[in-house]
Amino acid sequence: MPTRDERKALFIKAFKKTGSIKGASEKTKIGRRTHYDWLASDPEYKQEFEDGRADFAESVEDVMFKRIFNDPKCHHVLIIFALKGLMRDKYGDRPTDFNPNEPSVWDKLNEISDKPKIKKAARVIADELRTADDPLGFGDGE
């Protein structure tokens, strides 16, 4: 029978392959509760597990980028998730402290853009984006 440290290593190895605690638990026959107990009581195990989670995430990311760059029919949702992960400030979900009662960026721009030149420039940019075949510059996939 494997030692506790060997069982911990087996669980982390299985997690790196499955990406889920349930999958690692089923593969190793080590209960999920045992895994959570190890996380709570063993800082070294916790760090190794987090490293394993990062390894798995990078493996998924590698697959995603291969699809984006090599598959001309790559689904746009995959590109969206890539951007949300890589450029959180620009494409990420709203922060949890988002206040819907605060004025939006567009409201603030309207307040400060009372000058006709600024309004005209904004309309020109908006029109160009609406009428462009490829406003974000993705090209035709070649």
C-alpha atoms as a PDB file:
ATOM      1  CA  MET A   1       0.000   0.000   0.000  1.00  0.00           C
ATOM      2  CA  PRO A   2       1.363   3.465  -0.931  1.00  0.00           C
ATOM      3  CA  THR A   3       2.437   5.861   1.791  1.00  0.00           C
ATOM      4  CA  ARG A   4       0.496   9.060   2.449  1.00  0.00           C
ATOM      5  CA  ASP A   5       3.059  11.118   0.513  1.00  0.00           C
ATOM      6  CA  GLU A   6       2.870   8.679  -2.415  1.00  0.00           C
ATOM      7  CA  ARG A   7      -0.933   8.903  -2.361  1.00  0.00           C
ATOM      8  CA  LYS A   8      -0.723  12.701  -2.407  1.00  0.00           C
ATOM      9  CA  ALA A   9       1.633  12.576  -5.385  1.00  0.00           C
ATOM     10  CA  LEU A  10      -0.684  10.120  -7.187  1.00  0.00           C
ATOM     11  CA  PHE A  11      -3.681  12.389  -6.615  1.00  0.00           C
ATOM     12  CA  ILE A  12      -1.853  15.451  -7.978  1.00  0.00           C
ATOM     13  CA  LYS A  13      -0.619  13.487 -10.993  1.00  0.00           C
ATOM     14  CA  ALA A  14      -4.173  12.323 -11.721  1.00  0.00           C
ATOM     15  CA  PHE A  15      -5.483  15.866 -11.277  1.00  0.00           C
ATOM     16  CA  LYS A  16      -2.971  17.179 -13.825  1.00  0.00           C
ATOM     17  CA  LYS A  17      -4.413  14.699 -16.343  1.00  0.00           C
ATOM     18  CA  THR A  18      -8.119  15.067 -15.553  1.00  0.00           C
ATOM     19  CA  GLY A  19      -8.339  18.693 -14.464  1.00  0.00           C
ATOM     20  CA  SER A  20     -10.959  17.873 -11.870  1.00  0.00           C
ATOM     21  CA  ILE A  21     -10.969  16.767  -8.253  1.00  0.00           C
ATOM     22  CA  LYS A  22     -13.742  14.280  -8.995  1.00  0.00           C
ATOM     23  CA  GLY A  23     -11.753  12.800 -11.886  1.00  0.00           C
ATOM     24  CA  ALA A  24      -8.583  12.527  -9.811  1.00  0.00           C
ATOM     25  CA  SER A  25     -10.549  10.978  -6.961  1.00  0.00           C
ATOM     26  CA  GLU A  26     -12.107   8.356  -9.237  1.00  0.00           C
ATOM     27  CA  LYS A  27      -8.785   7.575 -10.917  1.00  0.00           C
ATOM     28  CA  THR A  28      -6.852   7.153  -7.667  1.00  0.00           C
ATOM     29  CA  LYS A  29      -9.637   5.824  -5.387  1.00  0.00           C
ATOM     30  CA  ILE A  30      -8.730   8.612  -2.943  1.00  0.00           C
ATOM     31  CA  GLY A  31     -11.785  10.347  -1.524  1.00  0.00           C
ATOM     32  CA  ARG A  32     -12.450  13.969  -2.254  1.00  0.00           C
ATOM     33  CA  ARG A  33     -12.747  14.640   1.480  1.00  0.00           C
ATOM     34  CA  THR A  34      -9.210  13.275   1.939  1.00  0.00           C
ATOM     35  CA  HIS A  35      -7.951  15.683  -0.712  1.00  0.00           C
ATOM     36  CA  TYR A  36      -9.653  18.630   1.011  1.00  0.00           C
ATOM     37  CA  ASP A  37      -8.221  17.550   4.375  1.00  0.00           C
ATOM     38  CA  TRP A  38      -4.731  17.478   2.847  1.00  0.00           C
ATOM     39  CA  LEU A  39      -5.286  20.966   1.405  1.00  0.00           C
ATOM     40  CA  ALA A  40      -6.292  22.289   4.817  1.00  0.00           C
ATOM     41  CA  SER A  41      -3.521  20.623   6.809  1.00  0.00           C
ATOM     42  CA  ASP A  42      -0.496  20.412   4.494  1.00  0.00           C
ATOM     43  CA  PRO A  43       0.840  23.678   3.007  1.00  0.00           C
ATOM     44  CA  GLU A  44       3.336  21.797   0.820  1.00  0.00           C
ATOM     45  CA  TYR A  45       0.546  19.644  -0.656  1.00  0.00           C
ATOM     46  CA  LYS A  46      -1.576  22.745  -1.187  1.00  0.00           C
ATOM     47  CA  GLN A  47       1.256  24.425  -3.130  1.00  0.00           C
ATOM     48  CA  GLU A  48       1.892  21.295  -5.215  1.00  0.00           C
ATOM     49  CA  PHE A  49      -1.828  21.052  -5.962  1.00  0.00           C
ATOM     50  CA  GLU A  50      -1.990  24.722  -7.033  1.00  0.00           C
ATOM     51  CA  ASP A  51       1.066  24.145  -9.238  1.00  0.00           C
ATOM     52  CA  GLY A  52      -0.754  21.152 -10.743  1.00  0.00           C
ATOM     53  CA  ARG A  53      -3.825  23.304 -11.372  1.00  0.00           C
ATOM     54  CA  ALA A  54      -1.632  25.853 -13.173  1.00  0.00           C
ATOM     55  CA  ASP A  55      -0.022  23.070 -15.254  1.00  0.00           C
ATOM     56  CA  PHE A  56      -3.442  21.781 -16.298  1.00  0.00           C
ATOM     57  CA  ALA A  57      -4.654  25.301 -17.141  1.00  0.00           C
ATOM     58  CA  GLU A  58      -1.594  25.878 -19.330  1.00  0.00           C
ATOM     59  CA  SER A  59      -2.219  22.571 -21.127  1.00  0.00           C
ATOM     60  CA  VAL A  60      -5.774  23.663 -21.901  1.00  0.00           C
ATOM     61  CA  GLU A  61      -4.455  27.053 -22.990  1.00  0.00           C
ATOM     62  CA  ASP A  62      -1.984  25.364 -25.373  1.00  0.00           C
ATOM     63  CA  VAL A  63      -4.824  23.431 -27.000  1.00  0.00           C
ATOM     64  CA  MET A  64      -6.896  26.603 -27.267  1.00  0.00           C
ATOM     65  CA  PHE A  65      -4.140  28.543 -29.028  1.00  0.00           C
ATOM     66  CA  LYS A  66      -3.440  25.685 -31.425  1.00  0.00           C
ATOM     67  CA  ARG A  67      -7.128  25.736 -32.378  1.00  0.00           C
ATOM     68  CA  ILE A  68      -7.228  29.514 -32.736  1.00  0.00           C
ATOM     69  CA  PHE A  69      -4.160  29.679 -34.965  1.00  0.00           C
ATOM     70  CA  ASN A  70      -4.520  26.446 -36.935  1.00  0.00           C
ATOM     71  CA  ASP A  71      -8.250  25.954 -37.390  1.00  0.00           C
ATOM     72  CA  PRO A  72      -9.778  28.450 -39.834  1.00  0.00           C
ATOM     73  CA  LYS A  73     -13.219  27.492 -38.536  1.00  0.00           C
ATOM     74  CA  CYS A  74     -12.270  28.132 -34.913  1.00  0.00           C
ATOM     75  CA  HIS A  75     -15.372  29.181 -33.018  1.00  0.00           C
ATOM     76  CA  HIS A  76     -15.493  32.840 -32.011  1.00  0.00           C
ATOM     77  CA  VAL A  77     -16.378  31.924 -28.416  1.00  0.00           C
ATOM     78  CA  LEU A  78     -12.939  30.350 -28.031  1.00  0.00           C
ATOM     79  CA  ILE A  79     -11.350  33.632 -29.106  1.00  0.00           C
ATOM     80  CA  ILE A  80     -13.541  35.526 -26.647  1.00  0.00           C
ATOM     81  CA  PHE A  81     -12.460  33.330 -23.754  1.00  0.00           C
ATOM     82  CA  ALA A  82      -8.819  33.700 -24.767  1.00  0.00           C
ATOM     83  CA  LEU A  83      -9.133  37.482 -24.737  1.00  0.00           C
ATOM     84  CA  LYS A  84     -10.985  37.458 -21.422  1.00  0.00           C
ATOM     85  CA  GLY A  85      -8.185  35.441 -19.866  1.00  0.00           C
ATOM     86  CA  LEU A  86      -5.262  37.274 -21.414  1.00  0.00           C
ATOM     87  CA  MET A  87      -6.577  40.827 -21.268  1.00  0.00           C
ATOM     88  CA  ARG A  88      -8.787  40.856 -18.173  1.00  0.00           C
ATOM     89  CA  ASP A  89      -8.665  44.634 -17.823  1.00  0.00           C
ATOM     90  CA  LYS A  90     -10.087  45.123 -21.286  1.00  0.00           C
ATOM     91  CA  TYR A  91     -12.224  42.038 -21.930  1.00  0.00           C
ATOM     92  CA  GLY A  92     -12.792  40.511 -18.485  1.00  0.00           C
ATOM     93  CA  ASP A  93     -16.093  40.268 -16.688  1.00  0.00           C
ATOM     94  CA  ARG A  94     -17.228  43.225 -14.671  1.00  0.00           C
ATOM     95  CA  PRO A  95     -15.694  43.437 -11.228  1.00  0.00           C
ATOM     96  CA  THR A  96     -17.845  42.314  -8.335  1.00  0.00           C
ATOM     97  CA  ASP A  97     -17.957  45.877  -7.029  1.00  0.00           C
ATOM     98  CA  PHE A  98     -19.692  47.093 -10.209  1.00  0.00           C
ATOM     99  CA  ASN A  99     -22.322  49.680  -9.341  1.00  0.00           C
ATOM    100  CA  PRO A 100     -25.128  49.910 -11.941  1.00  0.00           C
ATOM    101  CA  ASN A 101     -26.178  53.265 -10.441  1.00  0.00           C
ATOM    102  CA  GLU A 102     -22.916  54.910 -11.498  1.00  0.00           C
ATOM    103  CA  PRO A 103     -22.878  56.557 -14.909  1.00  0.00           C
ATOM    104  CA  SER A 104     -21.505  54.395 -17.714  1.00  0.00           C
ATOM    105  CA  VAL A 105     -18.397  55.272 -19.693  1.00  0.00           C
ATOM    106  CA  TRP A 106     -20.645  56.425 -22.524  1.00  0.00           C
ATOM    107  CA  ASP A 107     -22.606  58.673 -20.138  1.00  0.00           C
ATOM    108  CA  LYS A 108     -19.360  60.206 -18.895  1.00  0.00           C
ATOM    109  CA  LEU A 109     -18.121  60.734 -22.465  1.00  0.00           C
ATOM    110  CA  ASN A 110     -21.370  62.439 -23.401  1.00  0.00           C
ATOM    111  CA  GLU A 111     -20.989  64.774 -20.439  1.00  0.00           C
ATOM    112  CA  ILE A 112     -17.506  65.893 -21.433  1.00  0.00           C
ATOM    113  CA  SER A 113     -17.931  65.815 -25.188  1.00  0.00           C
ATOM    114  CA  ASP A 114     -20.075  68.863 -25.673  1.00  0.00           C
ATOM    115  CA  LYS A 115     -17.694  70.076 -28.332  1.00  0.00           C
ATOM    116  CA  PRO A 116     -18.968  69.440 -31.877  1.00  0.00           C
ATOM    117  CA  LYS A 117     -15.585  68.156 -33.113  1.00  0.00           C
ATOM    118  CA  ILE A 118     -15.438  65.433 -30.441  1.00  0.00           C
ATOM    119  CA  LYS A 119     -19.021  64.333 -31.133  1.00  0.00           C
ATOM    120  CA  LYS A 120     -18.344  64.232 -34.867  1.00  0.00           C
ATOM    121  CA  ALA A 121     -15.173  62.161 -34.386  1.00  0.00           C
ATOM    122  CA  ALA A 122     -17.043  59.714 -32.171  1.00  0.00           C
ATOM    123  CA  ARG A 123     -19.810  59.357 -34.794  1.00  0.00           C
ATOM    124  CA  VAL A 124     -17.254  58.772 -37.568  1.00  0.00           C
ATOM    125  CA  ILE A 125     -15.506  56.049 -35.550  1.00  0.00           C
ATOM    126  CA  ALA A 126     -18.809  54.400 -34.638  1.00  0.00           C
ATOM    127  CA  ASP A 127     -19.951  54.484 -38.279  1.00  0.00           C
ATOM    128  CA  GLU A 128     -16.675  52.960 -39.456  1.00  0.00           C
ATOM    129  CA  LEU A 129     -16.975  50.140 -36.961  1.00  0.00           C
ATOM    130  CA  ARG A 130     -20.582  49.470 -37.972  1.00  0.00           C
ATOM    131  CA  THR A 131     -19.853  49.379 -41.700  1.00  0.00           C
ATOM    132  CA  ALA A 132     -16.456  47.672 -41.720  1.00  0.00           C
ATOM    133  CA  ASP A 133     -16.363  44.066 -42.964  1.00  0.00           C
ATOM    134  CA  ASP A 134     -13.630  43.249 -40.470  1.00  0.00           C
ATOM    135  CA  PRO A 135     -13.621  45.962 -37.775  1.00  0.00           C
ATOM    136  CA  LEU A 136     -11.245  44.130 -35.464  1.00  0.00           C
ATOM    137  CA  GLY A 137      -8.670  43.270 -38.145  1.00  0.00           C
ATOM    138  CA  PHE A 138      -8.914  39.497 -37.976  1.00  0.00           C
ATOM    139  CA  GLY A 139      -8.621  39.150 -41.736  1.00  0.00           C
ATOM    140  CA  ASP A 140     -10.154  36.294 -43.683  1.00  0.00           C
ATOM    141  CA  GLY A 141      -8.495  33.555 -41.594  1.00  0.00           C
ATOM    142  CA  GLU A 142      -5.532  33.051 -43.920  1.00  0.00           C
END
